Amino acid sequence: MLTCSVNYSLGLRHNLLTIPPPARGAYYIMRVLSVLYLTRPSLSTSMSTTFVERNEQYAASFDKGSLPMPPSKHLLVVTCMDARINPAASLGIELGESHIVRNAGGRVKDAIRSIVVSQRLLGTREIAVFHHTDCGMTTFETPQLREIVKKDDASPAVAELVDDFDFLEFSNLELSVREDVEYLKKNPLLLKETKISGWIYHTETGKISRVV
């Protein structure tokens, strides 16, 4: 029997009590589809209509136009694209000090192209990997998401493309951080002197904790 509690006012959260293996796939799909329904955009509005006005406000006091291209702290942060996270603010990083690479889950395999550019051309020598609590990447498995995509578009071209995708989801947060750090340490594309650390950002409190 599948038992969970859902609080829509705070975003989709769950307190999982029991999930037998046969029900696990259905649970993942239910949770992902619930998130999509709750956060679906209005077709009559677009954030892009506010960009110019908001940018004018930002640019009016902008005084950082002379910053050099290489990050001054020689740091690169890999973290999740989650809209609740402000990496620079939460880590006290100022404009021009660090590269910040974001993707779904903060997975380093997805960031390796940017890491190589950052190290070889722009002088970064330290990498901090941040995953976070209540991450959407713990709510599904790759086969379920492939099926969702193919249900939306049943064309052979879409099926061929998505079936080659590994969405790099994970179920164990701390283990996912350790795996990403280990991947970087063993990757021959990284400079040998690179300092690498792994962290968890807690979305409930804004605090961080070091894993490795």
Protein backbone atom coordinates (compact mmCIF):
# COMPACT_ATOMS: atom_id res chain seq x y z
CA MET A 1 0.00 0.00 0.00
CA LEU A 2 1.32 3.43 -0.95
CA THR A 3 1.07 5.96 1.86
CA CYS A 4 2.23 9.55 1.61
CA SER A 5 1.27 13.04 2.72
CA VAL A 6 1.36 15.97 0.29
CA ASN A 7 1.44 19.68 1.20
CA TYR A 8 0.60 21.70 -1.89
CA SER A 9 0.91 25.11 -0.21
CA LEU A 10 4.60 24.57 0.47
CA GLY A 11 5.31 22.80 -2.80
CA LEU A 12 5.11 19.10 -3.40
CA ARG A 13 6.68 17.31 -0.44
CA HIS A 14 6.17 13.81 0.79
CA ASN A 15 6.57 11.76 3.91
CA LEU A 16 6.91 8.30 2.49
CA LEU A 17 5.94 5.52 4.85
CA THR A 18 5.77 2.49 2.60
CA ILE A 19 6.33 1.97 -1.10
CA PRO A 20 6.32 -1.66 -2.23
CA PRO A 21 8.46 -2.19 -5.33
CA PRO A 22 5.47 -2.76 -7.67
CA ALA A 23 4.05 0.66 -6.76
CA ARG A 24 7.30 2.58 -6.94
CA GLY A 25 7.13 3.43 -10.63
CA ALA A 26 3.55 4.67 -10.34
CA TYR A 27 4.52 6.81 -7.36
CA TYR A 28 7.36 8.48 -9.25
CA ILE A 29 5.10 9.28 -12.20
CA MET A 30 2.33 10.58 -9.93
CA ARG A 31 4.70 12.92 -8.15
CA VAL A 32 6.29 14.28 -11.32
CA LEU A 33 2.94 14.87 -13.00
CA SER A 34 1.62 16.58 -9.85
CA VAL A 35 4.56 18.99 -9.89
CA LEU A 36 3.99 19.74 -13.57
CA TYR A 37 0.30 20.41 -12.96
CA LEU A 38 0.89 22.69 -9.98
CA THR A 39 3.59 24.75 -11.70
CA ARG A 40 2.17 24.89 -15.24
CA PRO A 41 2.60 28.37 -16.78
CA SER A 42 -0.27 30.52 -17.89
CA LEU A 43 -0.49 30.68 -21.68
CA SER A 44 -1.52 34.33 -21.50
CA THR A 45 1.56 35.59 -19.67
CA SER A 46 5.30 35.51 -20.23
CA MET A 47 8.11 36.54 -17.93
CA SER A 48 9.98 37.90 -20.94
CA THR A 49 7.58 40.84 -21.06
CA THR A 50 9.17 42.16 -17.84
CA PHE A 51 12.82 41.65 -18.79
CA VAL A 52 13.49 45.09 -20.26
CA GLU A 53 11.91 46.99 -17.37
CA ARG A 54 13.69 44.92 -14.73
CA ASN A 55 16.98 45.14 -16.58
CA GLU A 56 16.75 48.91 -16.73
CA GLN A 57 16.44 48.97 -12.95
CA TYR A 58 19.46 46.66 -12.62
CA ALA A 59 21.60 48.52 -15.14
CA ALA A 60 20.86 51.91 -13.56
CA SER A 61 23.20 51.13 -10.65
CA PHE A 62 25.52 48.65 -12.41
CA ASP A 63 29.19 49.46 -11.82
CA LYS A 64 30.95 46.15 -12.49
CA GLY A 65 31.63 46.55 -16.21
CA SER A 66 35.40 46.51 -15.80
CA LEU A 67 35.65 43.11 -14.08
CA PRO A 68 38.12 40.72 -15.76
CA MET A 69 36.80 37.59 -17.47
CA PRO A 70 38.61 34.98 -15.27
CA PRO A 71 36.97 34.47 -11.87
CA SER A 72 39.10 36.13 -9.19
CA LYS A 73 38.74 33.30 -6.65
CA HIS A 74 39.67 30.64 -9.23
CA LEU A 75 36.54 28.77 -8.13
CA LEU A 76 33.88 26.86 -10.03
CA VAL A 77 30.64 25.78 -8.35
CA VAL A 78 28.46 23.03 -9.81
CA THR A 79 24.94 23.07 -8.44
CA CYS A 80 21.30 22.42 -9.26
CA MET A 81 19.03 24.59 -11.39
CA ASP A 82 16.37 24.51 -8.64
CA ALA A 83 14.61 27.90 -8.53
CA ARG A 84 14.78 28.02 -4.72
CA ILE A 85 18.59 28.20 -4.71
CA ASN A 86 20.66 31.35 -5.07
CA PRO A 87 24.22 29.94 -5.10
CA ALA A 88 26.07 33.24 -5.07
CA ALA A 89 24.04 34.71 -2.22
CA SER A 90 24.05 31.54 -0.12
CA LEU A 91 27.85 31.17 -0.40
CA GLY A 92 28.78 34.83 -0.17
CA ILE A 93 30.17 34.88 -3.71
CA GLU A 94 30.46 38.31 -5.31
CA LEU A 95 30.16 39.10 -9.00
CA GLY A 96 33.37 38.15 -10.81
CA GLU A 97 34.65 35.76 -8.15
CA SER A 98 33.45 32.36 -9.37
CA HIS A 99 31.98 30.38 -12.23
CA ILE A 100 28.64 28.81 -11.36
CA VAL A 101 27.44 25.92 -13.53
CA ARG A 102 23.85 24.82 -13.01
CA ASN A 103 21.90 21.85 -14.32
CA ALA A 104 19.23 19.41 -13.15
CA GLY A 105 20.60 17.90 -9.94
CA GLY A 106 23.97 19.64 -10.11
CA ARG A 107 25.47 16.57 -11.79
CA VAL A 108 29.10 16.92 -12.82
CA LYS A 109 28.81 14.60 -15.84
CA ASP A 110 26.49 17.20 -17.31
CA ALA A 111 28.94 19.99 -16.46
CA ILE A 112 32.24 18.56 -17.67
CA ARG A 113 32.33 20.64 -20.89
CA SER A 114 32.03 23.86 -18.88
CA ILE A 115 34.55 22.65 -16.32
CA VAL A 116 37.20 22.02 -18.99
CA VAL A 117 36.66 25.48 -20.50
CA SER A 118 36.76 27.05 -17.03
CA GLN A 119 40.00 25.34 -16.04
CA ARG A 120 41.97 25.43 -19.27
CA LEU A 121 41.03 28.88 -20.49
CA LEU A 122 39.91 30.86 -17.45
CA GLY A 123 42.14 29.66 -14.65
CA THR A 124 39.86 27.96 -12.13
CA ARG A 125 41.60 25.50 -9.84
CA GLU A 126 38.92 24.60 -7.29
CA ILE A 127 35.54 22.88 -7.78
CA ALA A 128 32.73 22.77 -5.22
CA VAL A 129 29.88 20.36 -5.95
CA PHE A 130 26.53 21.18 -4.35
CA HIS A 131 23.46 18.95 -4.34
CA HIS A 132 20.46 19.80 -2.19
CA THR A 133 17.63 18.45 -0.09
CA ASP A 134 14.14 18.02 -1.57
CA CYS A 135 15.65 17.73 -5.04
CA GLY A 136 13.39 16.91 -7.96
CA MET A 137 15.98 14.43 -9.21
CA THR A 138 14.98 12.05 -6.39
CA THR A 139 11.35 11.91 -7.56
CA PHE A 140 11.66 9.83 -10.72
CA GLU A 141 13.73 7.28 -12.60
CA THR A 142 14.97 7.63 -16.17
CA PRO A 143 12.53 5.06 -17.68
CA GLN A 144 9.54 6.92 -16.20
CA LEU A 145 10.64 10.28 -17.61
CA ARG A 146 11.35 8.72 -21.00
CA GLU A 147 7.77 7.46 -21.07
CA ILE A 148 6.39 10.88 -20.11
CA VAL A 149 8.29 12.50 -22.97
CA LYS A 150 7.15 9.88 -25.47
CA LYS A 151 3.56 10.19 -24.29
CA ASP A 152 3.67 13.91 -25.07
CA ASP A 153 5.17 13.27 -28.52
CA ALA A 154 4.98 9.78 -30.00
CA SER A 155 7.15 10.53 -33.03
CA PRO A 156 10.00 8.08 -33.76
CA ALA A 157 12.53 10.93 -33.72
CA VAL A 158 11.60 11.88 -30.15
CA ALA A 159 11.63 8.26 -29.01
CA GLU A 160 15.07 7.68 -30.49
CA LEU A 161 16.52 10.76 -28.83
CA VAL A 162 15.01 10.33 -25.37
CA ASP A 163 15.84 6.62 -25.19
CA ASP A 164 19.51 7.60 -25.38
CA PHE A 165 19.13 9.94 -22.41
CA ASP A 166 20.37 9.15 -18.93
CA PHE A 167 18.73 11.81 -16.78
CA LEU A 168 21.24 11.18 -13.97
CA GLU A 169 18.63 10.98 -11.24
CA PHE A 170 19.54 9.68 -7.79
CA SER A 171 17.85 8.32 -4.65
CA ASN A 172 20.59 8.82 -2.05
CA LEU A 173 21.56 12.48 -1.67
CA GLU A 174 24.84 12.07 0.17
CA LEU A 175 25.91 9.20 -2.06
CA SER A 176 25.21 11.28 -5.17
CA VAL A 177 27.59 13.97 -3.90
CA ARG A 178 30.30 11.42 -3.19
CA GLU A 179 29.86 9.84 -6.61
CA ASP A 180 30.19 13.19 -8.37
CA VAL A 181 33.31 14.14 -6.42
CA GLU A 182 34.85 10.75 -7.19
CA TYR A 183 33.97 11.14 -10.88
CA LEU A 184 35.84 14.43 -10.99
CA LYS A 185 38.86 13.07 -9.13
CA LYS A 186 39.20 10.24 -11.64
CA ASN A 187 38.48 12.31 -14.74
CA PRO A 188 41.67 12.81 -16.78
CA LEU A 189 40.31 16.01 -18.31
CA LEU A 190 40.66 17.84 -15.00
CA LEU A 191 43.94 19.39 -13.90
CA LYS A 192 45.71 17.22 -11.35
CA GLU A 193 46.08 20.04 -8.82
CA THR A 194 42.32 20.71 -8.72
CA LYS A 195 40.85 21.03 -5.24
CA ILE A 196 37.45 19.29 -5.10
CA SER A 197 34.84 19.32 -2.35
CA GLY A 198 31.25 18.07 -2.09
CA TRP A 199 28.38 19.70 -0.23
CA ILE A 200 24.66 19.59 0.52
CA TYR A 201 22.52 22.71 0.53
CA HIS A 202 19.48 22.45 2.78
CA THR A 203 16.53 24.14 1.10
CA GLU A 204 14.57 24.14 4.36
CA THR A 205 17.09 26.29 6.26
CA GLY A 206 19.47 27.80 3.69
CA LYS A 207 22.40 26.15 5.48
CA ILE A 208 25.10 23.97 3.93
CA SER A 209 26.92 20.89 5.18
CA ARG A 210 30.10 19.36 3.83
CA VAL A 211 30.02 15.75 2.66
CA VAL A 212 33.55 15.31 1.32
